[in-house]
Amino acid sequence: MRTRKLYKVTFLHLGKCYELYARHVASSPLWGFTEIGELEFEPAGSGLLVDPSEERLREEFADTRVLHLPMQSVVRIEEVERKGALAIRDAADGQKITPFPMPPRPR
């Protein structure tokens, strides 16, 4: 049995770097766009830990059938063997985790 291809798509949107997994990637019929479809998410409540990034992405793209991303916003598309963690990072520094705010040091 042949397995369907899985793609990891990394793109920029509003100063954030998004990483999603999809089963369909193609040139969009809209000129200058890339078509991303059949988004892959873990089933809700499938694990003990809740990943806030994945929950946020699941909510943001819950009713999305196909994304049409401008070509210049796509950073990378990789064909992968298995799904990894979804992520939203700050595009400037690439950090996945926001540091806990610390009180200012006394002088």
N, C-alpha and C. Protein backbone atom coordinates (compact mmCIF):
# COMPACT_ATOMS: atom_id res chain seq x y z
N MET A 1 0.84 -1.19 0.00
CA MET A 1 0.00 0.00 0.00
C MET A 1 0.88 1.24 0.00
N ARG A 2 0.58 2.16 -0.87
CA ARG A 2 1.37 3.39 -0.98
C ARG A 2 0.81 4.44 -0.02
N THR A 3 1.70 5.04 0.76
CA THR A 3 1.26 6.09 1.68
C THR A 3 1.21 7.43 0.95
N ARG A 4 0.34 8.30 1.41
CA ARG A 4 0.22 9.63 0.82
C ARG A 4 1.36 10.51 1.30
N LYS A 5 1.78 11.42 0.45
CA LYS A 5 2.88 12.33 0.79
C LYS A 5 2.45 13.30 1.88
N LEU A 6 3.43 13.65 2.73
CA LEU A 6 3.22 14.61 3.80
C LEU A 6 4.26 15.72 3.65
N TYR A 7 3.81 16.96 3.73
CA TYR A 7 4.68 18.12 3.56
C TYR A 7 4.69 18.98 4.81
N LYS A 8 5.88 19.46 5.15
CA LYS A 8 6.02 20.46 6.22
C LYS A 8 6.19 21.80 5.50
N VAL A 9 5.26 22.72 5.78
CA VAL A 9 5.25 24.02 5.10
C VAL A 9 5.59 25.10 6.12
N THR A 10 6.61 25.88 5.84
CA THR A 10 7.03 26.99 6.70
C THR A 10 6.78 28.28 5.93
N PHE A 11 6.01 29.19 6.56
CA PHE A 11 5.71 30.46 5.90
C PHE A 11 5.62 31.60 6.90
N LEU A 12 5.76 32.82 6.41
CA LEU A 12 5.71 34.02 7.24
C LEU A 12 4.34 34.67 7.13
N HIS A 13 3.84 35.15 8.29
CA HIS A 13 2.55 35.85 8.32
C HIS A 13 2.52 36.78 9.52
N LEU A 14 2.38 38.08 9.28
CA LEU A 14 2.28 39.10 10.33
C LEU A 14 3.41 39.01 11.36
N GLY A 15 4.64 38.88 10.90
CA GLY A 15 5.80 38.86 11.78
C GLY A 15 6.04 37.55 12.50
N LYS A 16 5.27 36.53 12.15
CA LYS A 16 5.43 35.21 12.76
C LYS A 16 5.80 34.20 11.69
N CYS A 17 6.52 33.17 12.09
CA CYS A 17 6.90 32.08 11.21
C CYS A 17 6.06 30.85 11.60
N TYR A 18 5.20 30.41 10.71
CA TYR A 18 4.29 29.29 10.97
C TYR A 18 4.87 28.02 10.36
N GLU A 19 4.69 26.90 11.06
CA GLU A 19 5.04 25.59 10.52
C GLU A 19 3.81 24.71 10.60
N LEU A 20 3.33 24.27 9.43
CA LEU A 20 2.16 23.43 9.32
C LEU A 20 2.50 22.17 8.54
N TYR A 21 1.67 21.14 8.70
CA TYR A 21 1.80 19.92 7.92
C TYR A 21 0.57 19.77 7.05
N ALA A 22 0.78 19.37 5.79
CA ALA A 22 -0.32 19.26 4.84
C ALA A 22 -0.08 18.06 3.92
N ARG A 23 -1.16 17.56 3.36
CA ARG A 23 -1.08 16.44 2.41
C ARG A 23 -1.06 16.92 0.96
N HIS A 24 -1.44 18.18 0.73
CA HIS A 24 -1.53 18.69 -0.64
C HIS A 24 -0.80 20.02 -0.75
N VAL A 25 0.14 20.10 -1.70
CA VAL A 25 0.85 21.35 -2.01
C VAL A 25 0.94 21.43 -3.53
N ALA A 26 0.54 22.59 -4.08
CA ALA A 26 0.58 22.76 -5.53
C ALA A 26 0.61 24.25 -5.87
N SER A 27 0.85 24.55 -7.13
CA SER A 27 0.72 25.92 -7.60
C SER A 27 -0.76 26.26 -7.59
N SER A 28 -1.09 27.41 -7.09
CA SER A 28 -2.48 27.84 -7.00
C SER A 28 -2.96 28.35 -8.36
N PRO A 29 -4.25 28.20 -8.64
CA PRO A 29 -4.78 28.82 -9.86
C PRO A 29 -4.77 30.35 -9.77
N LEU A 30 -4.62 30.87 -8.55
CA LEU A 30 -4.45 32.31 -8.37
C LEU A 30 -2.99 32.64 -8.66
N TRP A 31 -2.73 33.51 -9.59
CA TRP A 31 -1.37 33.81 -10.01
C TRP A 31 -0.53 34.34 -8.85
N GLY A 32 0.66 33.74 -8.62
CA GLY A 32 1.59 34.20 -7.60
C GLY A 32 1.36 33.58 -6.22
N PHE A 33 0.50 32.57 -6.14
CA PHE A 33 0.19 31.95 -4.86
C PHE A 33 0.53 30.46 -4.89
N THR A 34 0.75 29.90 -3.70
CA THR A 34 0.96 28.46 -3.52
C THR A 34 -0.24 27.92 -2.77
N GLU A 35 -0.76 26.80 -3.23
CA GLU A 35 -1.96 26.19 -2.65
C GLU A 35 -1.55 25.11 -1.64
N ILE A 36 -2.03 25.23 -0.41
CA ILE A 36 -1.75 24.27 0.67
C ILE A 36 -3.09 23.72 1.14
N GLY A 37 -3.27 22.40 1.07
CA GLY A 37 -4.54 21.81 1.44
C GLY A 37 -4.38 20.57 2.30
N GLU A 38 -5.50 20.11 2.84
CA GLU A 38 -5.56 18.92 3.70
C GLU A 38 -4.58 19.05 4.87
N LEU A 39 -4.77 20.09 5.66
CA LEU A 39 -3.90 20.35 6.82
C LEU A 39 -4.01 19.20 7.82
N GLU A 40 -2.89 18.85 8.43
CA GLU A 40 -2.82 17.74 9.39
C GLU A 40 -2.63 18.28 10.80
N PHE A 41 -3.54 17.89 11.69
CA PHE A 41 -3.45 18.22 13.11
C PHE A 41 -3.62 16.93 13.90
N GLU A 42 -3.06 16.90 15.11
CA GLU A 42 -3.30 15.78 16.01
C GLU A 42 -4.77 15.84 16.44
N PRO A 43 -5.42 14.69 16.62
CA PRO A 43 -6.80 14.73 17.12
C PRO A 43 -6.84 15.42 18.48
N ALA A 44 -7.85 16.24 18.70
CA ALA A 44 -7.98 16.97 19.97
C ALA A 44 -8.06 15.99 21.13
N GLY A 45 -7.27 16.25 22.17
CA GLY A 45 -7.28 15.40 23.36
C GLY A 45 -6.58 14.08 23.17
N SER A 46 -5.69 13.97 22.17
CA SER A 46 -5.02 12.69 21.92
C SER A 46 -3.83 12.45 22.84
N GLY A 47 -3.37 13.47 23.55
CA GLY A 47 -2.22 13.30 24.43
C GLY A 47 -2.48 13.91 25.78
N LEU A 48 -1.57 13.65 26.69
CA LEU A 48 -1.69 14.21 28.03
C LEU A 48 -1.31 15.68 28.08
N LEU A 49 -0.33 16.05 27.26
CA LEU A 49 0.13 17.44 27.24
C LEU A 49 -0.61 18.22 26.17
N VAL A 50 -0.92 19.45 26.47
CA VAL A 50 -1.57 20.33 25.51
C VAL A 50 -0.53 21.33 25.02
N ASP A 51 -0.31 21.33 23.72
CA ASP A 51 0.64 22.26 23.11
C ASP A 51 -0.12 23.51 22.71
N PRO A 52 0.15 24.66 23.34
CA PRO A 52 -0.59 25.88 23.02
C PRO A 52 -0.44 26.31 21.56
N SER A 53 0.73 26.07 20.96
CA SER A 53 0.92 26.44 19.55
C SER A 53 -0.01 25.64 18.66
N GLU A 54 -0.09 24.34 18.92
CA GLU A 54 -0.95 23.49 18.09
C GLU A 54 -2.42 23.84 18.29
N GLU A 55 -2.80 24.15 19.53
CA GLU A 55 -4.19 24.54 19.80
C GLU A 55 -4.53 25.84 19.07
N ARG A 56 -3.61 26.78 19.10
CA ARG A 56 -3.84 28.06 18.43
C ARG A 56 -3.96 27.88 16.92
N LEU A 57 -3.09 27.04 16.34
CA LEU A 57 -3.15 26.76 14.91
C LEU A 57 -4.43 26.02 14.55
N ARG A 58 -4.83 25.06 15.39
CA ARG A 58 -6.06 24.30 15.14
C ARG A 58 -7.27 25.25 15.12
N GLU A 59 -7.31 26.20 16.06
CA GLU A 59 -8.41 27.16 16.11
C GLU A 59 -8.38 28.12 14.91
N GLU A 60 -7.18 28.59 14.57
CA GLU A 60 -7.05 29.56 13.47
C GLU A 60 -7.43 28.96 12.12
N PHE A 61 -7.08 27.69 11.91
CA PHE A 61 -7.31 27.05 10.61
C PHE A 61 -8.38 25.97 10.67
N ALA A 62 -9.28 26.03 11.66
CA ALA A 62 -10.30 25.00 11.87
C ALA A 62 -11.19 24.79 10.65
N ASP A 63 -11.65 25.84 10.04
CA ASP A 63 -12.58 25.73 8.92
C ASP A 63 -11.91 25.94 7.56
N THR A 64 -10.59 25.88 7.53
CA THR A 64 -9.85 26.13 6.30
C THR A 64 -9.74 24.86 5.47
N ARG A 65 -10.20 24.93 4.23
CA ARG A 65 -10.05 23.79 3.33
C ARG A 65 -8.73 23.89 2.57
N VAL A 66 -8.44 25.10 2.06
CA VAL A 66 -7.22 25.33 1.27
C VAL A 66 -6.66 26.70 1.62
N LEU A 67 -5.35 26.76 1.85
CA LEU A 67 -4.66 28.03 2.04
C LEU A 67 -4.05 28.44 0.70
N HIS A 68 -4.17 29.70 0.34
CA HIS A 68 -3.49 30.24 -0.83
C HIS A 68 -2.49 31.24 -0.28
N LEU A 69 -1.24 30.84 -0.22
CA LEU A 69 -0.18 31.67 0.35
C LEU A 69 0.58 32.39 -0.75
N PRO A 70 0.87 33.69 -0.59
CA PRO A 70 1.71 34.38 -1.57
C PRO A 70 3.09 33.69 -1.64
N MET A 71 3.58 33.52 -2.85
CA MET A 71 4.85 32.80 -3.03
C MET A 71 5.98 33.39 -2.20
N GLN A 72 6.02 34.73 -2.06
CA GLN A 72 7.11 35.36 -1.33
C GLN A 72 7.02 35.12 0.17
N SER A 73 5.87 34.65 0.70
CA SER A 73 5.76 34.38 2.13
C SER A 73 6.19 32.96 2.49
N VAL A 74 6.29 32.08 1.48
CA VAL A 74 6.69 30.69 1.74
C VAL A 74 8.20 30.64 1.92
N VAL A 75 8.62 30.13 3.08
CA VAL A 75 10.04 30.03 3.38
C VAL A 75 10.58 28.70 2.87
N ARG A 76 9.84 27.62 3.16
CA ARG A 76 10.33 26.29 2.79
C ARG A 76 9.17 25.30 2.76
N ILE A 77 9.26 24.33 1.84
CA ILE A 77 8.33 23.21 1.79
C ILE A 77 9.18 21.95 1.76
N GLU A 78 8.96 21.07 2.73
CA GLU A 78 9.73 19.83 2.82
C GLU A 78 8.79 18.64 2.74
N GLU A 79 9.17 17.61 2.00
CA GLU A 79 8.43 16.35 2.03
C GLU A 79 9.04 15.52 3.16
N VAL A 80 8.22 15.13 4.12
CA VAL A 80 8.71 14.45 5.32
C VAL A 80 8.07 13.07 5.48
N GLU A 81 8.68 12.25 6.31
CA GLU A 81 8.17 10.90 6.57
C GLU A 81 7.03 10.91 7.59
N ARG A 82 7.19 11.73 8.64
CA ARG A 82 6.17 11.75 9.71
C ARG A 82 5.98 13.16 10.22
N LYS A 83 4.83 13.36 10.82
CA LYS A 83 4.46 14.67 11.34
C LYS A 83 5.22 14.96 12.63
N GLY A 84 5.69 16.19 12.76
CA GLY A 84 6.34 16.64 13.98
C GLY A 84 5.45 17.66 14.67
N ALA A 85 6.04 18.40 15.57
CA ALA A 85 5.29 19.42 16.30
C ALA A 85 5.03 20.63 15.41
N LEU A 86 3.84 21.18 15.54
CA LEU A 86 3.51 22.42 14.85
C LEU A 86 4.09 23.58 15.64
N ALA A 87 4.34 24.69 14.98
CA ALA A 87 4.98 25.80 15.70
C ALA A 87 4.57 27.14 15.12
N ILE A 88 4.58 28.13 16.00
CA ILE A 88 4.49 29.53 15.60
C ILE A 88 5.67 30.20 16.29
N ARG A 89 6.57 30.76 15.50
CA ARG A 89 7.76 31.41 16.05
C ARG A 89 7.76 32.88 15.67
N ASP A 90 8.51 33.66 16.45
CA ASP A 90 8.74 35.04 16.09
C ASP A 90 9.68 35.03 14.89
N ALA A 91 9.31 35.69 13.82
CA ALA A 91 10.10 35.66 12.59
C ALA A 91 11.47 36.31 12.75
N ALA A 92 11.58 37.28 13.64
CA ALA A 92 12.85 38.01 13.79
C ALA A 92 13.95 37.14 14.39
N ASP A 93 13.64 36.39 15.45
CA ASP A 93 14.69 35.61 16.11
C ASP A 93 14.50 34.11 16.04
N GLY A 94 13.35 33.63 15.55
CA GLY A 94 13.13 32.21 15.39
C GLY A 94 12.86 31.45 16.67
N GLN A 95 12.68 32.15 17.78
CA GLN A 95 12.44 31.49 19.05
C GLN A 95 11.03 30.91 19.10
N LYS A 96 10.92 29.69 19.57
CA LYS A 96 9.62 29.05 19.71
C LYS A 96 8.98 29.41 21.05
N ILE A 97 9.80 29.66 22.05
CA ILE A 97 9.30 29.91 23.40
C ILE A 97 9.48 31.38 23.74
N THR A 98 8.42 31.99 24.23
CA THR A 98 8.50 33.38 24.67
C THR A 98 9.08 33.41 26.07
N PRO A 99 10.15 34.16 26.31
CA PRO A 99 10.74 34.19 27.64
C PRO A 99 9.77 34.78 28.67
N PHE A 100 9.83 34.26 29.88
CA PHE A 100 8.99 34.75 30.96
C PHE A 100 9.45 36.15 31.32
N PRO A 101 8.52 37.12 31.44
CA PRO A 101 8.95 38.48 31.74
C PRO A 101 9.58 38.57 33.14
N MET A 102 10.71 39.20 33.20
CA MET A 102 11.43 39.34 34.47
C MET A 102 11.32 40.79 34.94
N PRO A 103 11.27 40.99 36.25
CA PRO A 103 11.25 42.36 36.75
C PRO A 103 12.59 43.04 36.45
N PRO A 104 12.57 44.36 36.29
CA PRO A 104 13.84 45.06 36.01
C PRO A 104 14.79 44.93 37.20
N ARG A 105 16.07 44.83 36.88
CA ARG A 105 17.10 44.73 37.93
C ARG A 105 17.25 46.04 38.64
N PRO A 106 17.42 45.99 39.96
CA PRO A 106 17.69 47.24 40.70
C PRO A 106 19.08 47.74 40.35
N ARG A 107 19.23 49.05 40.33
CA ARG A 107 20.54 49.63 39.99
C ARG A 107 21.36 49.88 41.20
